[in-house]
Amino acid sequence: INAEYMGHFLSVYFFFVPFFFVPFCLFSRFSLYFSKDTRHPMRRVIAALRSGPAAVATATAARRGLSGNAMVSFGLDASQVAVQETAQRFAEKYLEPFAAEWDATETFPVDAMRTGAELGFGGIYVRDDIGSGLSRLDASIIFEQLATGCPCTAAFISIHNMVCGMIDNFGTEEQRQQFLPSLVTMDQIASYCLTEPGSGSDAAALRTSAQLDGPDHYRINGEKQFISGAGVSDLYCTMLRTGVDGPKGISCVLIPKSTEGLSFGKNERKMGWSNQPTRQVIFENARVPVANRIGDEGVGFKIAMRGLDGGRINISSCSLGAAQKCFELTLRYVAERKQFGVPLSSLQDVQFKLADMATRLHTSRLAIRHAAQALDDSDPNATTYSAMAKLHATEECYKVIDTALQLHGGYGYLKEYQIERYLRDARVHRILEGTNEIMKMVVSRSVLA
């Protein structure tokens, strides 16, 4: 090939690339957001990606080391990686830079959560005529990434989504249309009310009562304890005693914040989760329409437990995201920090700790994603798998965060570093959505059945 021919070829090539190929690529990408498709942005992105080869993103991730995205994206197809990366970018831009200040000032980041709702995070597994229509597996991927930026905020978005899912799955079409549109945008925020001062792990012993007051209303009296979002949330999905003692006498009722007779206790001072309010919810002759009941009378406990199956997967994912972030911070720290004339990463004891951390992260991720897939598939053992995932991931990921703090030494204990906050936020994951001791009871009953 002579030089004159090569010169003509390069001239044509460099003319066509900027003026034709680049605009085509930009139009293809931005058309996802400016199309007339009325679905949530997340659904449009996924639909576009599913028209292409699913293996591309997975193969790209697999070429990176385990310190990169290969471990985090293991087993995901292209659409799931797109969901993952969307949540990751949101966490990096809207959560992580502000999380320390929110923690210090006890600021509930409603505006940031509403920004996330614009991406579909306010109704992740609500059917796509109203919500994002994603799977429980997709949700676990999202919450893992959100928790890398702020475990506390991610956990509250999980609670909000749990309520949305309960309305979507068990509510009437009228209830779906009444409550969900404003919830999926997070213009209104929802809280889940099960625990009471006298009934924690023994949830079926709850005493807050709802008695018929005429044919169309309940009159409600009692207290709920440790309610996330209480005093700020607009809607309270509440388990109430409408019948006999035990689980068969419990019903699920949606109670608006504006209800007369509804009040709130003081904002609790907590070890972690400082940027979301936690209060008592108090009912004193609160009058609520019977039409706000989700499902029939007496099925509320079943609805609550079904909600907790997904909630346990979500909170496990929050532990995983927090631990993954601490692991990544630790990898950088031990490579840069020198003691005795060598980087910490060259010391065998440190290497062994890193190996344990990576293994705990990987096994936790496998347990969570297996449980999420079981829930998507309506597997009869989904409740057991969810309990296993919650038990394993919240315990093992807490160990990862604690080891990360140890490897950072005194710096890990300082509030100007992230790890001590992640440790404080993750500790409660072993208590809420059913304590890990209750998870062991769930699992043991299943294996002995």
Protein backbone atom coordinates (compact mmCIF):
# COMPACT_ATOMS: atom_id res chain seq x y z
CA ILE A 1 0.00 0.00 0.00
CA ASN A 2 1.63 3.26 -1.12
CA ALA A 3 1.74 6.37 1.01
CA GLU A 4 -0.67 8.34 -1.26
CA TYR A 5 -3.39 5.63 -0.94
CA MET A 6 -2.92 5.44 2.83
CA GLY A 7 -3.27 9.21 3.07
CA HIS A 8 -6.60 9.16 1.22
CA PHE A 9 -7.84 6.31 3.42
CA LEU A 10 -6.99 8.12 6.66
CA SER A 11 -8.62 11.33 5.43
CA VAL A 12 -11.88 9.55 4.68
CA TYR A 13 -11.72 7.61 7.96
CA PHE A 14 -11.20 10.67 10.15
CA PHE A 15 -13.97 12.51 8.29
CA PHE A 16 -16.60 9.83 8.82
CA VAL A 17 -15.82 8.98 12.45
CA PRO A 18 -16.48 12.38 14.06
CA PHE A 19 -19.33 13.43 11.77
CA PHE A 20 -21.30 10.20 11.56
CA PHE A 21 -20.31 7.57 14.11
CA VAL A 22 -19.99 9.74 17.24
CA PRO A 23 -23.37 11.52 16.77
CA PHE A 24 -24.96 8.14 16.14
CA CYS A 25 -23.61 6.80 19.44
CA LEU A 26 -24.71 9.86 21.36
CA PHE A 27 -28.19 9.75 19.88
CA SER A 28 -28.49 6.04 20.68
CA ARG A 29 -27.61 6.61 24.33
CA PHE A 30 -29.66 9.75 24.97
CA SER A 31 -32.68 8.44 23.10
CA LEU A 32 -33.14 6.07 26.05
CA TYR A 33 -33.96 9.05 28.24
CA PHE A 34 -35.83 11.24 25.76
CA SER A 35 -37.96 8.56 24.14
CA LYS A 36 -41.74 8.61 24.44
CA ASP A 37 -41.62 5.33 26.34
CA THR A 38 -43.56 5.99 29.57
CA ARG A 39 -41.78 3.33 31.62
CA HIS A 40 -39.31 4.26 34.36
CA PRO A 41 -35.81 5.17 33.08
CA MET A 42 -34.38 1.98 34.59
CA ARG A 43 -36.83 -0.16 32.59
CA ARG A 44 -36.00 1.65 29.35
CA VAL A 45 -32.27 1.12 29.84
CA ILE A 46 -32.78 -2.58 30.55
CA ALA A 47 -35.09 -3.07 27.58
CA ALA A 48 -32.52 -1.52 25.27
CA LEU A 49 -29.69 -3.60 26.68
CA ARG A 50 -31.61 -6.85 26.38
CA SER A 51 -31.61 -6.42 22.61
CA GLY A 52 -27.85 -6.97 22.66
CA PRO A 53 -25.54 -9.81 23.75
CA ALA A 54 -25.82 -10.38 27.48
CA ALA A 55 -22.31 -11.79 27.81
CA VAL A 56 -20.44 -8.61 26.83
CA ALA A 57 -20.53 -6.81 30.19
CA THR A 58 -19.99 -10.02 32.14
CA ALA A 59 -16.94 -10.91 30.08
CA THR A 60 -15.54 -7.39 30.46
CA ALA A 61 -15.94 -7.56 34.24
CA ALA A 62 -14.36 -11.00 34.36
CA ARG A 63 -11.13 -9.66 32.87
CA ARG A 64 -10.63 -7.45 35.93
CA GLY A 65 -9.08 -8.72 39.11
CA LEU A 66 -11.12 -9.63 42.17
CA SER A 67 -10.18 -6.26 43.61
CA GLY A 68 -12.21 -4.74 40.76
CA ASN A 69 -15.70 -5.55 39.54
CA ALA A 70 -15.38 -9.25 38.79
CA MET A 71 -16.39 -10.35 42.29
CA VAL A 72 -19.18 -7.78 42.56
CA SER A 73 -20.60 -8.54 39.09
CA PHE A 74 -20.18 -12.30 39.26
CA GLY A 75 -23.01 -14.13 37.48
CA LEU A 76 -24.80 -11.00 36.26
CA ASP A 77 -25.96 -10.46 32.69
CA ALA A 78 -25.63 -7.17 30.81
CA SER A 79 -28.94 -5.72 31.99
CA GLN A 80 -28.12 -6.51 35.63
CA VAL A 81 -24.69 -4.93 35.26
CA ALA A 82 -26.42 -1.83 33.86
CA VAL A 83 -28.69 -1.71 36.91
CA GLN A 84 -25.66 -2.19 39.15
CA GLU A 85 -23.67 0.59 37.50
CA THR A 86 -26.62 2.99 37.61
CA ALA A 87 -27.00 2.45 41.36
CA GLN A 88 -23.24 2.72 41.83
CA ARG A 89 -23.04 6.07 40.03
CA PHE A 90 -26.00 7.39 42.03
CA ALA A 91 -24.33 6.33 45.30
CA GLU A 92 -21.04 7.94 44.32
CA LYS A 93 -22.65 11.26 43.32
CA TYR A 94 -25.62 11.69 45.66
CA LEU A 95 -24.91 9.62 48.78
CA GLU A 96 -21.23 9.13 49.59
CA PRO A 97 -20.11 12.80 49.44
CA PHE A 98 -22.78 13.84 51.97
CA ALA A 99 -23.19 10.78 54.20
CA ALA A 100 -20.75 11.87 56.91
CA GLU A 101 -22.49 15.25 57.29
CA TRP A 102 -25.93 13.58 57.38
CA ASP A 103 -24.65 11.28 60.12
CA ALA A 104 -23.16 14.12 62.16
CA THR A 105 -26.22 16.40 61.87
CA GLU A 106 -28.83 13.60 61.96
CA THR A 107 -30.21 14.83 58.64
CA PHE A 108 -32.82 12.67 56.90
CA PRO A 109 -31.87 13.00 53.19
CA VAL A 110 -35.34 13.10 51.66
CA ASP A 111 -34.24 15.12 48.62
CA ALA A 112 -31.47 12.63 47.80
CA MET A 113 -33.92 9.74 48.08
CA ARG A 114 -36.35 11.50 45.75
CA THR A 115 -33.54 11.93 43.26
CA GLY A 116 -33.02 8.18 43.47
CA ALA A 117 -36.73 7.67 42.91
CA GLU A 118 -36.34 9.43 39.56
CA LEU A 119 -34.21 6.43 38.57
CA GLY A 120 -36.86 4.00 39.79
CA PHE A 121 -35.47 3.29 43.26
CA GLY A 122 -38.73 4.26 44.98
CA GLY A 123 -40.70 1.30 43.64
CA ILE A 124 -38.10 -1.19 42.51
CA TYR A 125 -40.28 -4.30 42.38
CA VAL A 126 -43.66 -2.60 42.01
CA ARG A 127 -45.24 -3.79 38.76
CA ASP A 128 -44.17 -1.69 35.82
CA ASP A 129 -47.56 -0.10 35.14
CA ILE A 130 -46.65 2.09 38.13
CA GLY A 131 -43.16 1.14 39.33
CA SER A 132 -39.87 -0.16 37.94
CA GLY A 133 -41.03 -3.77 37.64
CA LEU A 134 -37.63 -5.21 38.50
CA SER A 135 -36.91 -8.51 40.24
CA ARG A 136 -35.85 -9.21 43.81
CA LEU A 137 -32.43 -10.13 42.43
CA ASP A 138 -32.22 -6.72 40.73
CA ALA A 139 -33.23 -5.10 44.02
CA SER A 140 -30.46 -6.89 45.92
CA ILE A 141 -27.94 -5.61 43.37
CA ILE A 142 -29.27 -2.05 43.75
CA PHE A 143 -29.22 -2.05 47.55
CA GLU A 144 -25.69 -3.43 47.64
CA GLN A 145 -24.51 -0.53 45.52
CA LEU A 146 -26.51 2.13 47.36
CA ALA A 147 -25.01 0.94 50.65
CA THR A 148 -21.49 1.55 49.36
CA GLY A 149 -22.39 5.24 49.49
CA CYS A 150 -24.50 5.31 52.66
CA PRO A 151 -25.70 2.12 54.39
CA CYS A 152 -28.22 4.05 56.50
CA THR A 153 -29.96 5.74 53.57
CA ALA A 154 -29.91 2.51 51.54
CA ALA A 155 -31.57 0.68 54.43
CA PHE A 156 -34.38 3.21 54.67
CA ILE A 157 -35.02 3.04 50.91
CA SER A 158 -35.26 -0.73 51.46
CA ILE A 159 -37.95 -0.26 54.14
CA HIS A 160 -39.90 2.09 51.88
CA ASN A 161 -39.71 -0.46 49.05
CA MET A 162 -40.88 -3.22 51.38
CA VAL A 163 -44.10 -1.30 52.04
CA CYS A 164 -44.55 -0.57 48.33
CA GLY A 165 -44.13 -4.26 47.54
CA MET A 166 -46.72 -5.26 50.14
CA ILE A 167 -49.29 -2.85 48.67
CA ASP A 168 -48.48 -4.02 45.14
CA ASN A 169 -48.73 -7.73 46.01
CA PHE A 170 -51.63 -7.76 48.48
CA GLY A 171 -53.58 -4.56 47.85
CA THR A 172 -56.59 -4.14 45.60
CA GLU A 173 -56.23 -2.33 42.28
CA GLU A 174 -57.93 0.68 43.85
CA GLN A 175 -55.38 0.69 46.68
CA ARG A 176 -52.51 0.36 44.22
CA GLN A 177 -53.73 3.37 42.26
CA GLN A 178 -54.47 5.38 45.41
CA PHE A 179 -51.17 4.90 47.23
CA LEU A 180 -48.41 3.71 44.90
CA PRO A 181 -47.99 6.56 42.36
CA SER A 182 -46.89 9.03 45.05
CA LEU A 183 -44.83 6.36 46.84
CA VAL A 184 -42.76 5.23 43.86
CA THR A 185 -41.74 8.86 43.26
CA MET A 186 -41.10 9.21 46.99
CA ASP A 187 -43.21 12.35 47.02
CA GLN A 188 -44.69 10.39 49.89
CA ILE A 189 -42.56 8.15 52.12
CA ALA A 190 -43.66 4.96 53.86
CA SER A 191 -42.71 3.26 57.14
CA TYR A 192 -43.30 -0.32 58.31
CA CYS A 193 -44.81 -0.74 61.79
CA LEU A 194 -44.65 -4.18 63.40
CA THR A 195 -42.50 -4.03 66.57
CA GLU A 196 -44.05 -2.91 69.87
CA PRO A 197 -42.59 -2.16 73.30
CA GLY A 198 -43.77 -5.56 74.53
CA SER A 199 -43.33 -7.62 71.35
CA GLY A 200 -40.10 -7.67 69.42
CA SER A 201 -39.03 -11.10 68.26
CA ASP A 202 -42.40 -12.47 69.37
CA ALA A 203 -44.16 -10.36 66.76
CA ALA A 204 -47.38 -12.39 66.84
CA ALA A 205 -47.94 -11.20 70.42
CA LEU A 206 -48.54 -7.60 69.34
CA ARG A 207 -51.31 -5.77 71.25
CA THR A 208 -52.04 -2.56 69.29
CA SER A 209 -55.75 -2.95 68.55
CA ALA A 210 -58.08 -1.94 65.76
CA GLN A 211 -61.74 -2.22 66.71
CA LEU A 212 -64.61 -1.55 64.35
CA ASP A 213 -66.18 1.86 64.90
CA GLY A 214 -69.26 1.71 62.73
CA PRO A 215 -69.26 -0.25 59.48
CA ASP A 216 -66.53 1.71 57.71
CA HIS A 217 -63.83 2.63 60.23
CA TYR A 218 -61.40 1.17 62.75
CA ARG A 219 -60.55 2.88 66.02
CA ILE A 220 -56.90 2.18 66.82
CA ASN A 221 -55.09 2.27 70.16
CA GLY A 222 -51.55 1.24 71.08
CA GLU A 223 -47.89 1.92 70.37
CA LYS A 224 -45.28 0.81 67.85
CA GLN A 225 -41.59 0.89 68.76
CA PHE A 226 -38.34 1.57 66.84
CA ILE A 227 -40.11 2.75 63.68
CA SER A 228 -37.72 4.06 61.03
CA GLY A 229 -38.89 7.29 59.44
CA ALA A 230 -41.52 7.88 62.13
CA GLY A 231 -42.59 11.50 62.34
CA VAL A 232 -41.42 12.21 58.79
CA SER A 233 -43.00 9.41 56.75
CA ASP A 234 -46.38 10.10 55.21
CA LEU A 235 -47.81 6.56 55.40
CA TYR A 236 -47.53 3.86 58.08
CA CYS A 237 -48.07 0.23 57.08
CA THR A 238 -49.19 -1.07 60.47
CA MET A 239 -49.89 -4.55 61.85
CA LEU A 240 -52.87 -4.42 64.23
CA ARG A 241 -54.85 -6.80 66.43
CA THR A 242 -58.33 -7.08 64.88
CA GLY A 243 -59.22 -10.53 66.23
CA VAL A 244 -58.05 -13.40 68.42
CA ASP A 245 -54.64 -13.70 70.05
CA GLY A 246 -51.82 -15.03 67.90
CA PRO A 247 -50.97 -14.56 64.23
CA LYS A 248 -54.49 -15.23 62.92
CA GLY A 249 -55.88 -12.17 64.69
CA ILE A 250 -53.56 -9.66 62.96
CA SER A 251 -54.49 -7.38 60.07
CA CYS A 252 -52.48 -4.93 57.97
CA VAL A 253 -53.76 -1.33 57.70
CA LEU A 254 -52.32 1.74 55.93
CA ILE A 255 -52.48 4.79 58.20
CA PRO A 256 -51.76 8.29 56.84
CA LYS A 257 -49.67 10.70 58.92
CA SER A 258 -52.58 13.17 58.90
CA THR A 259 -54.80 10.78 60.90
CA GLU A 260 -56.24 12.42 64.01
CA GLY A 261 -55.03 10.58 67.12
CA LEU A 262 -51.67 9.63 65.58
CA SER A 263 -48.59 11.04 67.30
CA PHE A 264 -44.90 10.26 67.70
CA GLY A 265 -42.37 9.83 70.49
CA LYS A 266 -38.95 11.45 70.77
CA ASN A 267 -36.30 10.80 68.14
CA GLU A 268 -34.13 8.02 69.61
CA ARG A 269 -30.38 8.53 70.03
CA LYS A 270 -28.73 5.54 68.40
CA MET A 271 -25.29 4.01 67.90
CA GLY A 272 -25.74 4.13 64.12
CA TRP A 273 -28.40 4.89 61.53
CA SER A 274 -28.19 8.49 62.73
CA ASN A 275 -29.47 10.07 59.54
CA GLN A 276 -32.90 8.46 59.72
CA PRO A 277 -35.35 9.24 62.53
CA THR A 278 -36.49 6.41 64.82
CA ARG A 279 -39.50 7.05 67.05
CA GLN A 280 -42.47 5.46 68.70
CA VAL A 281 -45.71 5.63 66.71
CA ILE A 282 -48.60 6.24 69.11
CA PHE A 283 -52.29 5.66 68.39
CA GLU A 284 -54.90 7.20 70.68
CA ASN A 285 -58.39 6.56 69.32
CA ALA A 286 -57.05 7.05 65.80
CA ARG A 287 -59.89 6.56 63.31
CA VAL A 288 -58.94 4.95 59.97
CA PRO A 289 -61.15 3.72 57.10
CA VAL A 290 -61.60 -0.04 56.80
CA ALA A 291 -60.89 0.52 53.10
CA ASN A 292 -57.23 1.10 54.09
CA ARG A 293 -56.86 -2.52 55.19
CA ILE A 294 -54.55 -4.56 52.94
CA GLY A 295 -56.02 -8.03 52.39
CA ASP A 296 -58.68 -9.67 54.53
CA GLU A 297 -58.89 -9.45 58.30
CA GLY A 298 -56.58 -11.96 59.94
CA VAL A 299 -54.01 -12.25 57.11
CA GLY A 300 -51.84 -9.33 58.26
CA PHE A 301 -49.21 -11.51 59.89
CA LYS A 302 -48.77 -13.49 56.68
CA ILE A 303 -48.41 -10.23 54.74
CA ALA A 304 -45.88 -8.94 57.28
CA MET A 305 -43.77 -12.10 57.07
CA ARG A 306 -43.85 -12.09 53.27
CA GLY A 307 -42.64 -8.51 53.38
CA LEU A 308 -39.83 -9.49 55.72
CA ASP A 309 -38.59 -12.23 53.36
CA GLY A 310 -37.66 -9.54 50.87
CA GLY A 311 -36.61 -7.13 53.62
CA ARG A 312 -34.09 -9.64 54.94
CA ILE A 313 -32.51 -9.97 51.51
CA ASN A 314 -32.39 -6.19 51.15
CA ILE A 315 -30.81 -5.54 54.55
CA SER A 316 -28.28 -8.31 53.87
CA SER A 317 -27.43 -6.52 50.64
CA CYS A 318 -26.91 -3.32 52.62
CA SER A 319 -24.43 -5.13 54.88
CA LEU A 320 -22.69 -6.49 51.81
CA GLY A 321 -22.39 -3.08 50.16
CA ALA A 322 -20.98 -1.52 53.32
CA ALA A 323 -18.47 -4.34 53.69
CA GLN A 324 -17.47 -4.21 50.04
CA LYS A 325 -16.75 -0.50 50.33
CA CYS A 326 -14.63 -1.04 53.44
CA PHE A 327 -12.77 -3.85 51.71
CA GLU A 328 -11.93 -1.60 48.75
CA LEU A 329 -10.76 1.20 51.05
CA THR A 330 -8.58 -1.31 52.91
CA LEU A 331 -6.98 -2.65 49.74
CA ARG A 332 -5.84 0.85 48.85
CA TYR A 333 -4.72 1.62 52.38
CA VAL A 334 -2.55 -1.48 52.89
CA ALA A 335 -0.91 -0.96 49.49
CA GLU A 336 0.07 2.61 50.41
CA ARG A 337 0.74 2.38 54.15
CA LYS A 338 4.31 1.35 55.06
CA GLN A 339 5.49 -0.08 58.35
CA PHE A 340 8.91 -1.63 59.08
CA GLY A 341 10.01 -0.36 55.67
CA VAL A 342 7.48 -2.31 53.58
CA PRO A 343 3.85 -1.88 52.51
CA LEU A 344 1.34 -3.57 54.82
CA SER A 345 0.11 -5.58 51.85
CA SER A 346 3.42 -7.45 51.71
CA LEU A 347 2.95 -8.88 55.21
CA GLN A 348 1.53 -12.40 55.27
CA ASP A 349 -0.76 -11.76 58.22
CA VAL A 350 -2.37 -8.87 56.33
CA GLN A 351 -2.65 -10.99 53.18
CA PHE A 352 -4.44 -13.71 55.13
CA LYS A 353 -6.87 -11.17 56.54
CA LEU A 354 -7.60 -9.88 53.04
CA ALA A 355 -8.21 -13.44 51.86
CA ASP A 356 -10.70 -13.99 54.68
CA MET A 357 -12.45 -10.71 53.87
CA ALA A 358 -12.74 -11.54 50.16
CA THR A 359 -14.10 -15.01 50.95
CA ARG A 360 -16.70 -13.65 53.37
CA LEU A 361 -17.84 -11.13 50.78
CA HIS A 362 -18.12 -13.75 48.07
CA THR A 363 -20.04 -16.30 50.12
CA SER A 364 -22.37 -13.57 51.38
CA ARG A 365 -23.07 -12.40 47.85
CA LEU A 366 -23.82 -15.94 46.69
CA ALA A 367 -26.21 -16.53 49.60
CA ILE A 368 -28.02 -13.24 49.01
CA ARG A 369 -28.42 -13.69 45.28
CA HIS A 370 -29.56 -17.28 45.67
CA ALA A 371 -32.22 -16.21 48.18
CA ALA A 372 -33.34 -13.36 45.92
CA GLN A 373 -33.66 -15.71 42.96
CA ALA A 374 -35.64 -18.16 45.11
CA LEU A 375 -38.04 -15.37 46.03
CA ASP A 376 -38.40 -14.42 42.36
CA ASP A 377 -39.12 -18.06 41.51
CA SER A 378 -41.67 -18.47 44.34
CA ASP A 379 -39.51 -21.29 45.67
CA PRO A 380 -41.26 -22.99 48.63
CA ASN A 381 -37.99 -22.68 50.60
CA ALA A 382 -37.56 -18.96 49.88
CA THR A 383 -38.26 -17.99 53.50
CA THR A 384 -35.51 -20.32 54.70
CA TYR A 385 -33.04 -19.10 52.08
CA SER A 386 -33.82 -15.48 53.03
CA ALA A 387 -33.16 -16.27 56.69
CA MET A 388 -29.90 -18.04 55.78
CA ALA A 389 -28.76 -15.08 53.69
CA LYS A 390 -29.60 -12.60 56.44
CA LEU A 391 -27.89 -14.70 59.12
CA HIS A 392 -24.74 -15.33 57.10
CA ALA A 393 -24.29 -11.99 55.34
CA THR A 394 -24.96 -9.68 58.27
CA GLU A 395 -22.59 -11.67 60.51
CA GLU A 396 -19.79 -12.16 57.99
CA CYS A 397 -19.95 -8.67 56.50
CA TYR A 398 -19.76 -7.13 59.95
CA LYS A 399 -16.54 -9.12 60.46
CA VAL A 400 -15.22 -7.70 57.18
CA ILE A 401 -15.91 -4.13 58.32
CA ASP A 402 -14.36 -4.77 61.74
CA THR A 403 -11.24 -6.23 60.12
CA ALA A 404 -11.05 -3.23 57.80
CA LEU A 405 -11.11 -0.92 60.82
CA GLN A 406 -8.39 -2.99 62.51
CA LEU A 407 -6.13 -2.85 59.45
CA HIS A 408 -6.53 0.93 59.34
CA GLY A 409 -5.32 1.09 62.94
CA GLY A 410 -5.99 4.35 64.74
CA TYR A 411 -7.11 6.02 61.53
CA GLY A 412 -9.99 3.57 61.20
CA TYR A 413 -11.31 4.78 64.54
CA LEU A 414 -11.47 8.42 63.44
CA LYS A 415 -14.73 9.92 62.25
CA GLU A 416 -13.06 11.68 59.33
CA TYR A 417 -12.64 8.21 57.82
CA GLN A 418 -15.68 6.24 56.64
CA ILE A 419 -15.12 2.87 58.23
CA GLU A 420 -16.21 3.61 61.81
CA ARG A 421 -19.54 4.94 60.46
CA TYR A 422 -20.07 1.86 58.31
CA LEU A 423 -19.37 -0.30 61.36
CA ARG A 424 -21.93 1.61 63.46
CA ASP A 425 -24.55 1.47 60.72
CA ALA A 426 -24.05 -2.22 59.95
CA ARG A 427 -24.27 -3.42 63.55
CA VAL A 428 -28.05 -3.07 63.73
CA HIS A 429 -28.52 -5.27 60.66
CA ARG A 430 -28.03 -8.29 62.92
CA ILE A 431 -31.03 -7.14 64.99
CA LEU A 432 -33.67 -5.72 62.66
CA GLU A 433 -35.90 -7.58 60.16
CA GLY A 434 -35.78 -10.41 62.70
CA THR A 435 -32.76 -10.94 64.95
CA ASN A 436 -30.16 -13.42 63.81
CA GLU A 437 -31.23 -15.70 66.65
CA ILE A 438 -34.71 -15.77 65.07
CA MET A 439 -33.08 -16.53 61.70
CA LYS A 440 -31.51 -19.60 63.29
CA MET A 441 -34.94 -20.68 64.53
CA VAL A 442 -36.40 -20.27 61.01
CA VAL A 443 -33.61 -22.32 59.47
CA SER A 444 -33.60 -25.04 62.11
CA ARG A 445 -37.37 -25.54 61.86
CA SER A 446 -37.01 -25.98 58.12
CA VAL A 447 -34.19 -28.53 58.26
CA LEU A 448 -35.95 -30.52 60.99
CA ALA A 449 -39.34 -30.54 59.24
